[in-house]
């Protein structure tokens, strides 16, 4: 449903903005397998087709099975030495 897709995109943008305010440059969204399936279904329902989701709000999407129904917006260049990640619930 459109509301779920809007909620997800808003969460991605909110977390990315929080990281930017902390001085980071978010560039990747890590999503759990369950979350990815949900997001993909929402996107394909909204826009038709059966496409893969490669980015959300301009951030590259990467699947990390262990995250389950969650997603994490990260600055991949700063992640190892700073708290450059913001997690949120998708499903």
N, C-alpha and C. Protein backbone atom coordinates (compact mmCIF):
# COMPACT_ATOMS: atom_id res chain seq x y z
N UNK A 1 0.83 -1.18 0.00
CA UNK A 1 0.00 0.00 0.00
C UNK A 1 0.88 1.24 0.00
N UNK A 2 0.36 2.28 -0.58
CA UNK A 2 1.11 3.52 -0.72
C UNK A 2 1.57 4.08 0.63
N UNK A 3 0.74 3.96 1.67
CA UNK A 3 1.09 4.47 2.99
C UNK A 3 2.33 3.81 3.55
N UNK A 4 2.48 2.50 3.34
CA UNK A 4 3.67 1.79 3.83
C UNK A 4 4.92 2.26 3.10
N UNK A 5 4.82 2.45 1.81
CA UNK A 5 5.97 2.91 1.03
C UNK A 5 6.38 4.32 1.46
N UNK A 6 5.41 5.18 1.67
CA UNK A 6 5.69 6.54 2.13
C UNK A 6 6.35 6.51 3.51
N UNK A 7 5.86 5.65 4.39
CA UNK A 7 6.44 5.52 5.74
C UNK A 7 7.90 5.08 5.66
N UNK A 8 8.19 4.11 4.80
CA UNK A 8 9.55 3.59 4.66
C UNK A 8 10.47 4.68 4.11
N UNK A 9 10.05 5.33 3.03
CA UNK A 9 10.88 6.39 2.44
C UNK A 9 11.09 7.54 3.42
N UNK A 10 10.07 7.88 4.19
CA UNK A 10 10.21 8.94 5.19
C UNK A 10 11.21 8.53 6.27
N UNK A 11 11.18 7.27 6.68
CA UNK A 11 12.13 6.79 7.69
C UNK A 11 13.55 6.84 7.17
N UNK A 12 13.75 6.43 5.92
CA UNK A 12 15.09 6.48 5.32
C UNK A 12 15.59 7.92 5.30
N UNK A 13 14.75 8.83 4.85
CA UNK A 13 15.16 10.24 4.77
C UNK A 13 15.39 10.84 6.15
N UNK A 14 14.55 10.47 7.12
CA UNK A 14 14.73 10.97 8.49
C UNK A 14 16.07 10.51 9.07
N UNK A 15 16.38 9.23 8.93
CA UNK A 15 17.63 8.71 9.47
C UNK A 15 18.83 9.29 8.74
N UNK A 16 18.72 9.46 7.43
CA UNK A 16 19.80 10.08 6.65
C UNK A 16 20.04 11.51 7.12
N UNK A 17 18.96 12.25 7.35
CA UNK A 17 19.10 13.63 7.83
C UNK A 17 19.72 13.69 9.22
N UNK A 18 19.36 12.74 10.09
CA UNK A 18 19.97 12.69 11.43
C UNK A 18 21.48 12.48 11.31
N UNK A 19 21.89 11.59 10.41
CA UNK A 19 23.33 11.35 10.22
C UNK A 19 24.01 12.59 9.65
N UNK A 20 23.36 13.27 8.73
CA UNK A 20 23.94 14.50 8.16
C UNK A 20 24.13 15.56 9.24
N UNK A 21 23.15 15.68 10.15
CA UNK A 21 23.27 16.64 11.24
C UNK A 21 24.43 16.30 12.17
N UNK A 22 24.77 15.01 12.25
CA UNK A 22 25.90 14.57 13.06
C UNK A 22 27.23 14.66 12.32
N UNK A 23 27.20 15.17 11.08
CA UNK A 23 28.41 15.38 10.31
C UNK A 23 28.79 14.23 9.40
N UNK A 24 27.90 13.29 9.18
CA UNK A 24 28.19 12.13 8.33
C UNK A 24 27.57 12.32 6.95
N UNK A 25 27.97 11.44 6.03
CA UNK A 25 27.46 11.47 4.66
C UNK A 25 26.84 10.11 4.35
N UNK A 26 25.57 9.89 4.69
CA UNK A 26 24.95 8.58 4.47
C UNK A 26 24.91 8.23 2.99
N UNK A 27 25.27 6.98 2.69
CA UNK A 27 25.32 6.57 1.29
C UNK A 27 24.74 5.18 1.03
N UNK A 28 24.40 4.43 2.08
CA UNK A 28 23.92 3.06 1.92
C UNK A 28 22.78 2.79 2.89
N UNK A 29 21.80 1.99 2.44
CA UNK A 29 20.76 1.47 3.32
C UNK A 29 20.92 -0.04 3.36
N UNK A 30 21.25 -0.56 4.53
CA UNK A 30 21.31 -2.01 4.72
C UNK A 30 19.91 -2.47 5.12
N UNK A 31 19.36 -3.45 4.43
CA UNK A 31 18.02 -3.93 4.75
C UNK A 31 18.06 -5.43 4.98
N UNK A 32 17.27 -5.89 5.93
CA UNK A 32 17.14 -7.32 6.16
C UNK A 32 16.38 -7.97 5.02
N UNK A 33 16.51 -9.29 4.91
CA UNK A 33 15.86 -10.01 3.82
C UNK A 33 14.34 -9.85 3.88
N UNK A 34 13.78 -9.95 5.07
CA UNK A 34 12.33 -9.78 5.23
C UNK A 34 11.91 -8.36 4.87
N UNK A 35 12.68 -7.39 5.30
CA UNK A 35 12.38 -5.99 4.98
C UNK A 35 12.49 -5.75 3.48
N UNK A 36 13.51 -6.35 2.85
CA UNK A 36 13.68 -6.15 1.40
C UNK A 36 12.49 -6.71 0.63
N UNK A 37 12.05 -7.91 1.00
CA UNK A 37 10.89 -8.50 0.32
C UNK A 37 9.66 -7.60 0.46
N UNK A 38 9.47 -7.05 1.65
CA UNK A 38 8.34 -6.16 1.89
C UNK A 38 8.46 -4.89 1.05
N UNK A 39 9.63 -4.27 1.06
CA UNK A 39 9.85 -3.04 0.28
C UNK A 39 9.66 -3.31 -1.20
N UNK A 40 10.23 -4.39 -1.68
CA UNK A 40 10.12 -4.74 -3.10
C UNK A 40 8.66 -4.93 -3.50
N UNK A 41 7.89 -5.63 -2.66
CA UNK A 41 6.47 -5.83 -2.95
C UNK A 41 5.72 -4.50 -3.01
N UNK A 42 6.05 -3.58 -2.09
CA UNK A 42 5.40 -2.28 -2.07
C UNK A 42 5.74 -1.47 -3.32
N UNK A 43 7.00 -1.48 -3.71
CA UNK A 43 7.43 -0.73 -4.90
C UNK A 43 6.79 -1.31 -6.15
N UNK A 44 6.80 -2.63 -6.28
CA UNK A 44 6.22 -3.25 -7.47
C UNK A 44 4.71 -3.08 -7.52
N UNK A 45 4.06 -3.06 -6.38
CA UNK A 45 2.62 -2.80 -6.34
C UNK A 45 2.32 -1.37 -6.78
N UNK A 46 3.13 -0.45 -6.32
CA UNK A 46 2.91 0.97 -6.63
C UNK A 46 3.22 1.30 -8.09
N UNK A 47 4.32 0.75 -8.62
CA UNK A 47 4.79 1.13 -9.95
C UNK A 47 4.62 0.05 -11.00
N UNK A 48 4.14 -1.13 -10.60
CA UNK A 48 3.98 -2.23 -11.55
C UNK A 48 5.30 -2.91 -11.84
N UNK A 49 5.22 -4.04 -12.48
CA UNK A 49 6.44 -4.76 -12.85
C UNK A 49 6.93 -5.66 -11.75
N UNK A 50 8.13 -6.17 -11.95
CA UNK A 50 8.75 -7.08 -10.99
C UNK A 50 10.23 -6.74 -10.90
N UNK A 51 10.50 -5.50 -10.58
CA UNK A 51 11.87 -4.99 -10.57
C UNK A 51 12.53 -5.15 -9.20
N UNK A 52 13.85 -5.20 -9.22
CA UNK A 52 14.64 -5.17 -7.99
C UNK A 52 14.70 -3.73 -7.49
N UNK A 53 14.83 -3.56 -6.18
CA UNK A 53 14.98 -2.23 -5.59
C UNK A 53 16.47 -1.99 -5.38
N UNK A 54 17.04 -1.07 -6.13
CA UNK A 54 18.47 -0.81 -6.07
C UNK A 54 18.83 0.38 -5.20
N UNK A 55 17.86 1.29 -5.01
CA UNK A 55 18.11 2.44 -4.14
C UNK A 55 16.82 2.95 -3.53
N UNK A 56 16.96 3.59 -2.39
CA UNK A 56 15.85 4.24 -1.69
C UNK A 56 16.28 5.65 -1.35
N UNK A 57 15.52 6.61 -1.76
CA UNK A 57 15.83 8.02 -1.49
C UNK A 57 17.27 8.38 -1.85
N UNK A 58 17.74 7.83 -2.95
CA UNK A 58 19.08 8.14 -3.43
C UNK A 58 20.21 7.38 -2.76
N UNK A 59 19.89 6.47 -1.83
CA UNK A 59 20.91 5.68 -1.14
C UNK A 59 20.91 4.25 -1.70
N UNK A 60 22.08 3.69 -1.90
CA UNK A 60 22.22 2.34 -2.42
C UNK A 60 21.67 1.33 -1.41
N UNK A 61 20.94 0.33 -1.90
CA UNK A 61 20.36 -0.71 -1.05
C UNK A 61 21.25 -1.94 -1.07
N UNK A 62 21.56 -2.46 0.12
CA UNK A 62 22.31 -3.71 0.28
C UNK A 62 21.53 -4.60 1.23
N UNK A 63 21.45 -5.89 0.92
CA UNK A 63 20.69 -6.83 1.75
C UNK A 63 21.63 -7.52 2.73
N UNK A 64 21.23 -7.51 4.00
CA UNK A 64 21.95 -8.20 5.07
C UNK A 64 20.90 -9.06 5.78
N UNK A 65 20.92 -10.35 5.51
CA UNK A 65 19.89 -11.27 6.02
C UNK A 65 19.65 -11.13 7.52
N UNK A 66 20.70 -10.93 8.28
CA UNK A 66 20.60 -10.91 9.74
C UNK A 66 19.76 -9.75 10.29
N UNK A 67 19.49 -8.75 9.49
CA UNK A 67 18.69 -7.62 9.96
C UNK A 67 17.20 -7.93 9.99
N UNK A 68 16.78 -9.01 9.35
CA UNK A 68 15.37 -9.41 9.38
C UNK A 68 14.46 -8.33 8.82
N UNK A 69 13.57 -7.79 9.66
CA UNK A 69 12.60 -6.79 9.23
C UNK A 69 13.06 -5.36 9.45
N UNK A 70 14.34 -5.17 9.75
CA UNK A 70 14.88 -3.84 10.02
C UNK A 70 15.72 -3.33 8.86
N UNK A 71 16.04 -2.05 8.91
CA UNK A 71 16.96 -1.43 7.96
C UNK A 71 17.86 -0.46 8.72
N UNK A 72 19.04 -0.22 8.16
CA UNK A 72 20.01 0.68 8.79
C UNK A 72 20.56 1.61 7.72
N UNK A 73 20.46 2.90 7.95
CA UNK A 73 21.06 3.90 7.07
C UNK A 73 22.47 4.15 7.60
N UNK A 74 23.47 4.05 6.71
CA UNK A 74 24.86 4.19 7.17
C UNK A 74 25.68 5.12 6.28
N UNK A 75 26.76 5.61 6.86
CA UNK A 75 27.83 6.25 6.11
C UNK A 75 28.92 5.19 6.02
N UNK A 76 29.05 4.56 4.88
CA UNK A 76 29.95 3.41 4.75
C UNK A 76 31.42 3.77 4.96
N UNK A 77 31.77 5.02 4.77
CA UNK A 77 33.17 5.42 4.93
C UNK A 77 33.54 5.67 6.38
N UNK A 78 32.56 5.93 7.24
CA UNK A 78 32.83 6.25 8.64
C UNK A 78 32.38 5.16 9.60
N UNK A 79 31.75 4.13 9.11
CA UNK A 79 31.11 3.15 9.98
C UNK A 79 32.07 2.45 10.92
N UNK A 80 33.27 2.19 10.51
CA UNK A 80 34.20 1.44 11.34
C UNK A 80 34.76 2.22 12.52
N UNK A 81 34.74 3.53 12.47
CA UNK A 81 35.37 4.31 13.54
C UNK A 81 34.44 5.32 14.21
N UNK A 82 33.20 5.38 13.80
CA UNK A 82 32.27 6.34 14.39
C UNK A 82 30.86 5.75 14.39
N UNK A 83 29.98 6.28 15.24
CA UNK A 83 28.59 5.80 15.26
C UNK A 83 27.80 6.36 14.07
N UNK A 84 28.13 5.88 12.87
CA UNK A 84 27.60 6.43 11.64
C UNK A 84 26.46 5.57 11.08
N UNK A 85 25.52 5.17 11.95
CA UNK A 85 24.42 4.32 11.52
C UNK A 85 23.16 4.65 12.32
N UNK A 86 22.02 4.56 11.66
CA UNK A 86 20.72 4.78 12.30
C UNK A 86 19.79 3.65 11.85
N UNK A 87 19.26 2.89 12.80
CA UNK A 87 18.43 1.73 12.51
C UNK A 87 16.95 2.07 12.68
N UNK A 88 16.11 1.43 11.87
CA UNK A 88 14.66 1.59 12.01
C UNK A 88 13.95 0.30 11.59
N UNK A 89 12.71 0.17 12.02
CA UNK A 89 11.89 -1.01 11.75
C UNK A 89 11.11 -0.81 10.46
N UNK A 90 11.15 -1.81 9.58
CA UNK A 90 10.40 -1.77 8.33
C UNK A 90 9.14 -2.59 8.45
N UNK A 91 9.28 -3.83 8.89
CA UNK A 91 8.15 -4.76 9.01
C UNK A 91 7.95 -5.11 10.47
